[in-house]
């Protein structure tokens, strides 16, 4: 099959050298039964790659079973993978086959393989070695003939060194590894992929896309794309639906981009040559009005983001981590004074020295400087501004430690849904 036709058929988009290497490796190993490990960030297309490998294999007429190991609770993942017998546990009213039985003769794709518990890893190793497994609640040895494709957005070798992933399983899975590059490392692919998505969604929603300006193109290629191809696709769909028949310039596109491009630089601030390329020769020279306006707007947006982050951090530390009694459910109002938040008064907790100190015009939450602070909190005390991603990651890790890995309690404390928490764990590569 012609490489171009192959890419179009299976949605493996991009003509960069990095993507061509991925395509070549897929075509080399697809016709075999060799175990494959796909490695890449969330949103790069690991599931698409697995579908392509299966579709080119001798097993293509059999099932491809896709399993997200990170989304299955630890208490039931063994039953989901290997099946169970009637009465094996409370609620097991009938015997049920697992994913490995359903995939017999075909392919099973184990996404987020690094999230599997140790007891399940032992059973996966046995299947890889001889195809044998036991249903939960049964002593009967069963066999399955499946090809295993595993995927992860984590460094499995690091997990091996930490003792959370079996070394023998790592070597069995890592027979052939395909690393799928993030979108920011193949910027030449961004515009062609974006155009393809726009054409696809314009046809789907019967919309006319008027095109986009040079500054919008520059913003597309300079943006970091933390969500990779998945995020690019979502942005294209939003533009087609919400900006129907409008010409897209940088200001319009900027509204749909999240996250940060570069360390310390907001993503909605594109890198202009007038700022970084053409240096002024006189100290009295000023930035062009357009550049100055972009800088001001970016700084205002950044201040707003930092204010929201500080509010969330102050309330979370006081109410959920440091032992203080929860505040009344009134919203915290961010004031212009640094690190000051208006709130209803709460009693002082003698165990933590946390409480409310009264000022003439407002009341503020103050953290005693004598408390032991971790590096992140020290950064805040020193008035350093961390990125929004750092703040989110810090809060999530703090909540998981407090609640000993209980995702439900952690998500409630953070004020987000469990689904959002799962997504954030995946996004930041947080191991529980």
Protein backbone atom coordinates (compact mmCIF):
# COMPACT_ATOMS: atom_id res chain seq x y z
CA UNK A 1 0.00 0.00 0.00
CA UNK A 2 1.26 3.47 -0.90
CA UNK A 3 2.41 5.37 2.23
CA UNK A 4 0.15 8.34 1.43
CA UNK A 5 -2.88 6.11 0.99
CA UNK A 6 -1.96 4.27 4.18
CA UNK A 7 -1.78 7.52 6.14
CA UNK A 8 -5.08 8.81 4.79
CA UNK A 9 -6.84 5.53 5.45
CA UNK A 10 -5.75 5.23 9.07
CA UNK A 11 -5.54 8.89 10.06
CA UNK A 12 -1.79 8.93 10.73
CA UNK A 13 -1.31 12.55 9.74
CA UNK A 14 1.93 14.37 9.00
CA UNK A 15 4.81 14.34 6.51
CA UNK A 16 7.61 15.34 8.87
CA UNK A 17 10.69 13.08 9.08
CA UNK A 18 9.66 12.03 12.60
CA UNK A 19 6.25 10.85 11.40
CA UNK A 20 7.72 9.11 8.37
CA UNK A 21 9.88 7.06 10.73
CA UNK A 22 6.79 6.06 12.70
CA UNK A 23 4.96 5.07 9.50
CA UNK A 24 7.91 3.00 8.27
CA UNK A 25 8.18 1.12 11.55
CA UNK A 26 4.44 0.38 11.60
CA UNK A 27 4.63 -1.08 8.10
CA UNK A 28 7.64 -3.20 9.09
CA UNK A 29 6.13 -4.83 12.17
CA UNK A 30 2.38 -4.88 11.39
CA UNK A 31 2.45 -8.22 9.58
CA UNK A 32 4.12 -10.02 12.49
CA UNK A 33 2.85 -11.07 15.92
CA UNK A 34 5.57 -9.20 17.78
CA UNK A 35 4.59 -7.31 20.94
CA UNK A 36 4.64 -3.53 20.47
CA UNK A 37 5.04 -0.73 23.02
CA UNK A 38 3.77 2.68 21.92
CA UNK A 39 5.24 5.63 23.80
CA UNK A 40 4.01 9.19 23.52
CA UNK A 41 2.21 12.02 25.25
CA UNK A 42 -1.54 12.14 25.64
CA UNK A 43 -3.26 13.06 22.39
CA UNK A 44 -0.51 12.09 19.93
CA UNK A 45 -2.55 9.24 18.44
CA UNK A 46 -1.43 6.05 20.16
CA UNK A 47 -4.89 4.51 19.67
CA UNK A 48 -4.84 5.42 15.98
CA UNK A 49 -1.44 3.77 15.65
CA UNK A 50 -2.70 0.59 17.33
CA UNK A 51 -5.68 0.45 14.93
CA UNK A 52 -3.33 0.82 11.97
CA UNK A 53 -1.08 -2.00 13.17
CA UNK A 54 -4.08 -4.30 13.67
CA UNK A 55 -5.60 -3.41 10.29
CA UNK A 56 -2.37 -4.33 8.47
CA UNK A 57 -1.88 -7.58 10.40
CA UNK A 58 -2.99 -11.14 9.67
CA UNK A 59 -5.46 -10.74 12.57
CA UNK A 60 -7.43 -7.92 10.96
CA UNK A 61 -10.55 -10.08 10.52
CA UNK A 62 -10.66 -10.76 14.26
CA UNK A 63 -11.42 -8.40 17.13
CA UNK A 64 -9.35 -5.42 18.18
CA UNK A 65 -10.15 -4.87 21.86
CA UNK A 66 -9.12 -1.49 23.28
CA UNK A 67 -8.64 -1.26 27.06
CA UNK A 68 -7.80 1.91 28.98
CA UNK A 69 -6.08 0.44 32.02
CA UNK A 70 -5.91 3.81 33.76
CA UNK A 71 -9.69 4.25 33.67
CA UNK A 72 -10.53 0.92 35.32
CA UNK A 73 -10.64 0.96 39.15
CA UNK A 74 -7.98 -1.21 40.74
CA UNK A 75 -10.55 -3.42 42.46
CA UNK A 76 -12.10 -4.67 39.23
CA UNK A 77 -9.34 -4.47 36.63
CA UNK A 78 -8.39 -8.14 37.06
CA UNK A 79 -11.99 -9.21 36.49
CA UNK A 80 -12.29 -6.91 33.46
CA UNK A 81 -9.15 -8.27 31.83
CA UNK A 82 -9.44 -11.98 32.64
CA UNK A 83 -13.13 -12.49 33.39
CA UNK A 84 -14.74 -14.06 36.46
CA UNK A 85 -16.92 -17.00 37.52
CA UNK A 86 -20.37 -16.79 39.04
CA UNK A 87 -20.15 -16.04 42.76
CA UNK A 88 -16.47 -15.04 42.60
CA UNK A 89 -17.28 -11.84 44.48
CA UNK A 90 -20.28 -9.81 45.60
CA UNK A 91 -22.28 -8.85 42.55
CA UNK A 92 -20.89 -11.61 40.31
CA UNK A 93 -24.31 -13.07 39.50
CA UNK A 94 -23.10 -14.85 36.39
CA UNK A 95 -19.88 -15.92 34.72
CA UNK A 96 -18.34 -13.33 32.45
CA UNK A 97 -15.53 -13.46 29.94
CA UNK A 98 -12.79 -10.83 30.10
CA UNK A 99 -11.16 -8.72 27.45
CA UNK A 100 -8.46 -11.27 26.70
CA UNK A 101 -11.08 -13.88 25.86
CA UNK A 102 -12.96 -11.46 23.63
CA UNK A 103 -9.73 -10.64 21.79
CA UNK A 104 -8.87 -14.31 21.18
CA UNK A 105 -7.43 -14.61 17.67
CA UNK A 106 -7.15 -10.84 17.36
CA UNK A 107 -5.35 -7.96 19.04
CA UNK A 108 -5.67 -6.34 22.46
CA UNK A 109 -4.53 -2.76 22.95
CA UNK A 110 -3.62 -1.99 26.58
CA UNK A 111 -3.51 1.78 26.90
CA UNK A 112 -1.90 3.38 29.98
CA UNK A 113 -0.17 0.10 30.79
CA UNK A 114 1.92 1.83 33.46
CA UNK A 115 -1.19 2.24 35.64
CA UNK A 116 -1.78 -1.49 36.10
CA UNK A 117 -1.38 -2.84 39.67
CA UNK A 118 1.46 -5.24 40.50
CA UNK A 119 -0.85 -8.28 40.94
CA UNK A 120 -2.24 -7.74 37.43
CA UNK A 121 1.24 -7.28 35.98
CA UNK A 122 2.12 -10.83 37.07
CA UNK A 123 -0.85 -12.21 35.15
CA UNK A 124 -0.03 -10.12 32.07
CA UNK A 125 3.47 -11.56 32.10
CA UNK A 126 2.07 -15.09 32.11
CA UNK A 127 -0.16 -14.34 29.11
CA UNK A 128 2.80 -12.88 27.23
CA UNK A 129 4.87 -15.99 27.96
CA UNK A 130 2.39 -18.77 27.18
CA UNK A 131 -1.09 -17.30 26.64
CA UNK A 132 -2.43 -18.79 29.90
CA UNK A 133 -4.63 -17.10 32.49
CA UNK A 134 -7.25 -17.79 35.18
CA UNK A 135 -10.64 -16.20 35.53
CA UNK A 136 -11.25 -14.63 38.93
CA UNK A 137 -12.72 -17.33 41.17
CA UNK A 138 -11.62 -20.23 38.97
CA UNK A 139 -8.77 -22.74 39.14
CA UNK A 140 -9.18 -23.74 35.50
CA UNK A 141 -6.33 -22.71 33.23
CA UNK A 142 -7.56 -20.98 30.09
CA UNK A 143 -5.61 -20.04 26.98
CA UNK A 144 -5.89 -17.15 24.60
CA UNK A 145 -4.10 -16.31 21.37
CA UNK A 146 -3.77 -12.56 21.18
CA UNK A 147 -1.29 -10.01 19.97
CA UNK A 148 -0.57 -7.39 22.63
CA UNK A 149 -0.01 -3.75 21.82
CA UNK A 150 0.66 -1.66 24.93
CA UNK A 151 0.89 2.11 25.25
CA UNK A 152 2.06 4.59 27.85
CA UNK A 153 2.68 8.30 28.26
CA UNK A 154 5.13 7.60 31.09
CA UNK A 155 8.72 6.43 31.25
CA UNK A 156 8.25 2.76 32.16
CA UNK A 157 11.91 2.32 33.03
CA UNK A 158 11.56 5.05 35.66
CA UNK A 159 8.57 3.16 37.07
CA UNK A 160 10.70 0.01 37.13
CA UNK A 161 13.38 1.81 39.13
CA UNK A 162 10.73 3.11 41.54
CA UNK A 163 9.45 -0.44 42.02
CA UNK A 164 5.93 0.20 40.71
CA UNK A 165 6.39 -1.72 37.44
CA UNK A 166 7.86 -5.19 37.02
CA UNK A 167 11.20 -5.29 35.21
CA UNK A 168 10.48 -8.65 33.55
CA UNK A 169 7.18 -7.34 32.18
CA UNK A 170 8.93 -4.21 30.93
CA UNK A 171 11.35 -6.27 28.84
CA UNK A 172 8.57 -8.47 27.44
CA UNK A 173 6.48 -5.46 26.41
CA UNK A 174 9.41 -3.49 25.04
CA UNK A 175 10.23 -5.94 22.23
CA UNK A 176 9.57 -3.21 19.67
CA UNK A 177 9.03 0.37 20.81
CA UNK A 178 7.46 3.06 18.65
CA UNK A 179 7.88 6.59 19.97
CA UNK A 180 5.21 8.93 18.61
CA UNK A 181 6.53 12.52 18.67
CA UNK A 182 4.50 15.36 20.20
CA UNK A 183 3.09 17.97 17.86
CA UNK A 184 5.46 20.70 19.09
CA UNK A 185 8.42 18.63 17.84
CA UNK A 186 7.03 18.46 14.29
CA UNK A 187 5.75 21.97 13.70
CA UNK A 188 5.84 21.50 9.92
CA UNK A 189 2.87 19.14 10.30
CA UNK A 190 0.64 21.56 12.23
CA UNK A 191 -0.76 23.68 9.36
CA UNK A 192 -1.48 20.73 6.98
CA UNK A 193 -3.18 18.74 9.76
CA UNK A 194 -5.19 21.79 10.82
CA UNK A 195 -6.33 22.39 7.23
CA UNK A 196 -7.44 18.77 6.94
CA UNK A 197 -9.51 19.03 10.12
CA UNK A 198 -11.07 22.31 8.96
CA UNK A 199 -12.12 20.77 5.64
CA UNK A 200 -13.52 17.72 7.46
CA UNK A 201 -15.58 19.76 9.92
CA UNK A 202 -16.71 22.29 7.28
CA UNK A 203 -18.26 19.41 5.34
CA UNK A 204 -19.73 17.85 8.48
CA UNK A 205 -21.40 21.06 9.71
CA UNK A 206 -22.18 22.52 6.26
CA UNK A 207 -20.04 25.54 7.05
CA UNK A 208 -17.79 27.75 4.95
CA UNK A 209 -14.35 28.40 6.38
CA UNK A 210 -12.92 31.68 5.11
CA UNK A 211 -9.30 30.95 5.94
CA UNK A 212 -6.86 32.41 8.44
CA UNK A 213 -4.26 35.16 8.48
CA UNK A 214 -0.49 34.97 8.63
CA UNK A 215 -0.44 35.90 12.31
CA UNK A 216 -2.93 33.08 13.01
CA UNK A 217 -0.64 30.65 11.18
CA UNK A 218 2.31 31.88 13.21
CA UNK A 219 0.32 31.40 16.41
CA UNK A 220 -0.65 27.87 15.38
CA UNK A 221 2.96 26.86 14.89
CA UNK A 222 4.36 28.67 17.96
CA UNK A 223 1.75 27.30 20.38
CA UNK A 224 2.96 24.41 22.54
CA UNK A 225 -0.08 22.13 21.92
CA UNK A 226 -0.05 20.28 25.27
CA UNK A 227 -3.01 18.20 24.05
CA UNK A 228 -1.23 17.43 20.75
CA UNK A 229 -3.31 16.31 17.73
CA UNK A 230 -6.41 15.82 19.89
CA UNK A 231 -6.28 19.46 20.99
CA UNK A 232 -5.58 20.65 17.44
CA UNK A 233 -8.65 18.77 16.22
CA UNK A 234 -10.83 20.26 18.97
CA UNK A 235 -9.67 23.79 18.15
CA UNK A 236 -10.40 23.27 14.45
CA UNK A 237 -13.91 22.01 15.25
CA UNK A 238 -14.63 24.94 17.58
CA UNK A 239 -13.50 27.46 14.97
CA UNK A 240 -15.64 25.92 12.24
CA UNK A 241 -18.74 25.82 14.46
CA UNK A 242 -18.39 29.01 16.52
CA UNK A 243 -16.64 31.27 14.01
CA UNK A 244 -18.72 30.17 11.04
CA UNK A 245 -17.92 32.08 7.85
CA UNK A 246 -15.48 34.37 9.69
CA UNK A 247 -11.91 35.04 8.63
CA UNK A 248 -9.65 33.80 11.44
CA UNK A 249 -6.91 36.13 12.64
CA UNK A 250 -4.56 35.83 15.59
CA UNK A 251 -6.93 37.57 18.02
CA UNK A 252 -9.77 35.19 17.19
CA UNK A 253 -7.58 32.09 17.35
CA UNK A 254 -6.01 33.14 20.64
CA UNK A 255 -9.36 32.72 22.43
CA UNK A 256 -9.33 28.99 21.76
CA UNK A 257 -5.77 28.20 22.89
CA UNK A 258 -5.05 27.09 26.44
CA UNK A 259 -1.90 26.37 28.44
CA UNK A 260 1.56 27.85 27.98
CA UNK A 261 3.91 27.97 24.98
CA UNK A 262 7.23 28.48 26.67
CA UNK A 263 8.52 28.57 30.22
CA UNK A 264 7.19 31.80 31.71
CA UNK A 265 5.49 32.97 28.50
CA UNK A 266 1.71 32.74 28.11
CA UNK A 267 0.51 30.83 25.08
CA UNK A 268 -1.65 33.67 23.88
CA UNK A 269 1.46 35.79 23.30
CA UNK A 270 3.02 34.88 19.96
CA UNK A 271 6.74 35.34 19.40
CA UNK A 272 7.16 38.35 17.09
CA UNK A 273 10.31 39.17 15.20
CA UNK A 274 10.07 42.78 16.38
CA UNK A 275 10.44 41.52 19.94
CA UNK A 276 13.10 38.85 19.53
CA UNK A 277 14.72 39.32 16.14
CA UNK A 278 15.12 43.00 15.27
CA UNK A 279 16.77 44.57 18.32
CA UNK A 280 16.60 48.35 18.69
CA UNK A 281 19.87 50.24 18.61
CA UNK A 282 18.77 53.17 20.79
CA UNK A 283 17.67 52.99 24.38
CA UNK A 284 14.92 55.55 23.69
CA UNK A 285 13.33 53.39 20.99
CA UNK A 286 9.98 51.91 21.91
CA UNK A 287 8.08 48.78 20.87
CA UNK A 288 5.61 49.17 18.06
CA UNK A 289 2.06 49.94 19.30
CA UNK A 290 0.81 46.55 18.07
CA UNK A 291 3.55 44.71 19.98
CA UNK A 292 2.98 46.79 23.12
CA UNK A 293 -0.75 46.07 22.99
CA UNK A 294 -0.09 42.33 22.72
CA UNK A 295 2.28 42.45 25.70
CA UNK A 296 -0.20 44.39 27.85
CA UNK A 297 -3.02 42.01 27.00
CA UNK A 298 -0.86 38.98 27.78
CA UNK A 299 0.22 40.45 31.12
CA UNK A 300 -3.40 41.16 32.10
CA UNK A 301 -4.42 37.61 31.20
CA UNK A 302 -1.45 36.21 33.13
CA UNK A 303 -2.34 38.28 36.21
CA UNK A 304 -5.89 36.97 36.07
CA UNK A 305 -4.69 33.37 35.82
CA UNK A 306 -2.26 33.82 38.71
CA UNK A 307 -4.99 35.39 40.83
CA UNK A 308 -7.28 32.42 40.27
CA UNK A 309 -4.44 30.02 41.02
CA UNK A 310 -3.57 31.81 44.28
CA UNK A 311 -7.20 31.81 45.41
CA UNK A 312 -7.49 28.09 44.76
CA UNK A 313 -4.15 27.38 46.46
CA UNK A 314 -4.91 29.42 49.59
CA UNK A 315 -8.33 27.88 50.14
CA UNK A 316 -7.10 24.36 49.40
CA UNK A 317 -4.13 24.56 51.79
CA UNK A 318 -6.24 26.04 54.58
CA UNK A 319 -9.37 23.93 54.21
CA UNK A 320 -8.08 20.53 53.15
CA UNK A 321 -4.38 20.02 53.83
CA UNK A 322 -3.25 22.02 56.86
CA UNK A 323 -5.96 20.86 59.24
CA UNK A 324 -7.98 24.10 59.42
CA UNK A 325 -11.76 24.01 59.67
CA UNK A 326 -13.43 24.55 56.29
CA UNK A 327 -14.42 28.09 55.42
CA UNK A 328 -18.04 28.98 54.89
CA UNK A 329 -19.09 28.38 51.29
CA UNK A 330 -18.65 32.01 50.25
CA UNK A 331 -16.38 32.71 47.26
CA UNK A 332 -12.96 34.20 47.91
CA UNK A 333 -12.60 37.63 46.35
CA UNK A 334 -9.18 38.44 44.99
CA UNK A 335 -7.97 41.95 45.84
CA UNK A 336 -5.26 44.07 44.28
CA UNK A 337 -2.96 43.70 47.27
CA UNK A 338 -0.59 40.72 46.66
CA UNK A 339 -1.56 37.44 48.31
CA UNK A 340 -4.64 38.89 50.07
CA UNK A 341 -8.04 37.24 49.79
CA UNK A 342 -11.29 38.48 51.38
CA UNK A 343 -13.18 35.76 53.19
CA UNK A 344 -15.63 35.10 55.98
CA UNK A 345 -13.89 34.69 59.31
CA UNK A 346 -12.96 31.19 60.45
CA UNK A 347 -11.57 30.21 63.87
CA UNK A 348 -7.84 29.80 64.38
CA UNK A 349 -6.63 26.21 64.45
CA UNK A 350 -4.13 25.94 67.35
CA UNK A 351 -2.44 22.91 65.76
CA UNK A 352 -1.39 24.78 62.65
CA UNK A 353 -1.36 28.46 63.63
CA UNK A 354 -3.55 29.08 60.58
CA UNK A 355 -6.37 31.54 60.91
CA UNK A 356 -7.80 34.90 59.99
CA UNK A 357 -6.00 38.14 60.74
CA UNK A 358 -8.28 41.21 60.70
CA UNK A 359 -7.39 44.35 58.79
CA UNK A 360 -9.34 47.66 58.69
CA UNK A 361 -10.82 47.08 55.24
CA UNK A 362 -10.64 43.34 54.69
CA UNK A 363 -9.79 40.00 56.23
CA UNK A 364 -7.08 37.78 54.84
CA UNK A 365 -5.84 34.22 55.14
CA UNK A 366 -2.25 34.28 56.39
CA UNK A 367 0.11 31.35 56.55
CA UNK A 368 2.60 31.46 59.42
CA UNK A 369 6.10 31.75 57.96
CA UNK A 370 7.42 29.38 60.66
CA UNK A 371 5.60 26.43 59.08
CA UNK A 372 7.67 23.94 57.12
CA UNK A 373 7.03 24.64 53.45
CA UNK A 374 7.73 22.43 50.50
CA UNK A 375 9.65 23.90 47.52
CA UNK A 376 6.48 24.96 45.70
CA UNK A 377 5.12 26.83 48.73
CA UNK A 378 8.52 28.47 49.23
CA UNK A 379 8.31 29.78 45.68
CA UNK A 380 4.97 31.39 46.49
CA UNK A 381 6.34 32.85 49.73
CA UNK A 382 9.21 34.38 47.72
CA UNK A 383 6.61 35.93 45.39
CA UNK A 384 7.73 33.78 42.45
CA UNK A 385 5.09 33.08 39.85
CA UNK A 386 4.85 29.38 38.93
CA UNK A 387 3.12 28.24 35.78
CA UNK A 388 -0.54 27.25 35.92
CA UNK A 389 0.49 23.67 35.07
CA UNK A 390 2.92 23.58 38.03
CA UNK A 391 0.18 24.83 40.37
CA UNK A 392 -2.35 22.27 39.14
CA UNK A 393 0.17 19.44 39.38
CA UNK A 394 1.17 20.52 42.89
CA UNK A 395 -2.43 20.62 44.14
CA UNK A 396 -3.28 17.26 42.62
CA UNK A 397 -0.20 15.57 44.13
CA UNK A 398 -0.90 17.19 47.50
CA UNK A 399 -4.51 16.00 47.50
CA UNK A 400 -3.57 12.45 46.49
CA UNK A 401 -0.98 12.27 49.26
CA UNK A 402 -3.46 13.54 51.84
CA UNK A 403 -6.13 11.05 50.83
CA UNK A 404 -3.66 8.20 50.23
CA UNK A 405 -4.41 7.89 46.52
CA UNK A 406 -8.22 7.96 46.88
CA UNK A 407 -9.20 9.70 43.65
CA UNK A 408 -12.80 10.31 44.67
CA UNK A 409 -11.86 12.17 47.84
CA UNK A 410 -9.06 14.03 46.08
CA UNK A 411 -11.38 15.19 43.29
CA UNK A 412 -13.97 16.37 45.84
CA UNK A 413 -11.33 18.33 47.75
CA UNK A 414 -10.06 19.91 44.53
CA UNK A 415 -13.57 20.77 43.39
CA UNK A 416 -13.34 18.86 40.10
CA UNK A 417 -14.99 15.74 38.76
CA UNK A 418 -13.22 12.36 38.92
CA UNK A 419 -13.15 12.34 35.14
CA UNK A 420 -11.29 15.67 35.10
CA UNK A 421 -8.89 14.36 37.72
CA UNK A 422 -8.19 11.23 35.62
CA UNK A 423 -7.45 13.49 32.65
CA UNK A 424 -5.12 15.70 34.69
CA UNK A 425 -3.25 12.68 36.06
CA UNK A 426 -2.73 11.51 32.51
CA UNK A 427 -1.77 15.00 31.28
CA UNK A 428 0.91 15.56 33.93
CA UNK A 429 2.09 11.94 34.16
CA UNK A 430 1.37 11.80 37.89
CA UNK A 431 1.94 8.38 39.42
CA UNK A 432 -0.15 7.72 42.53
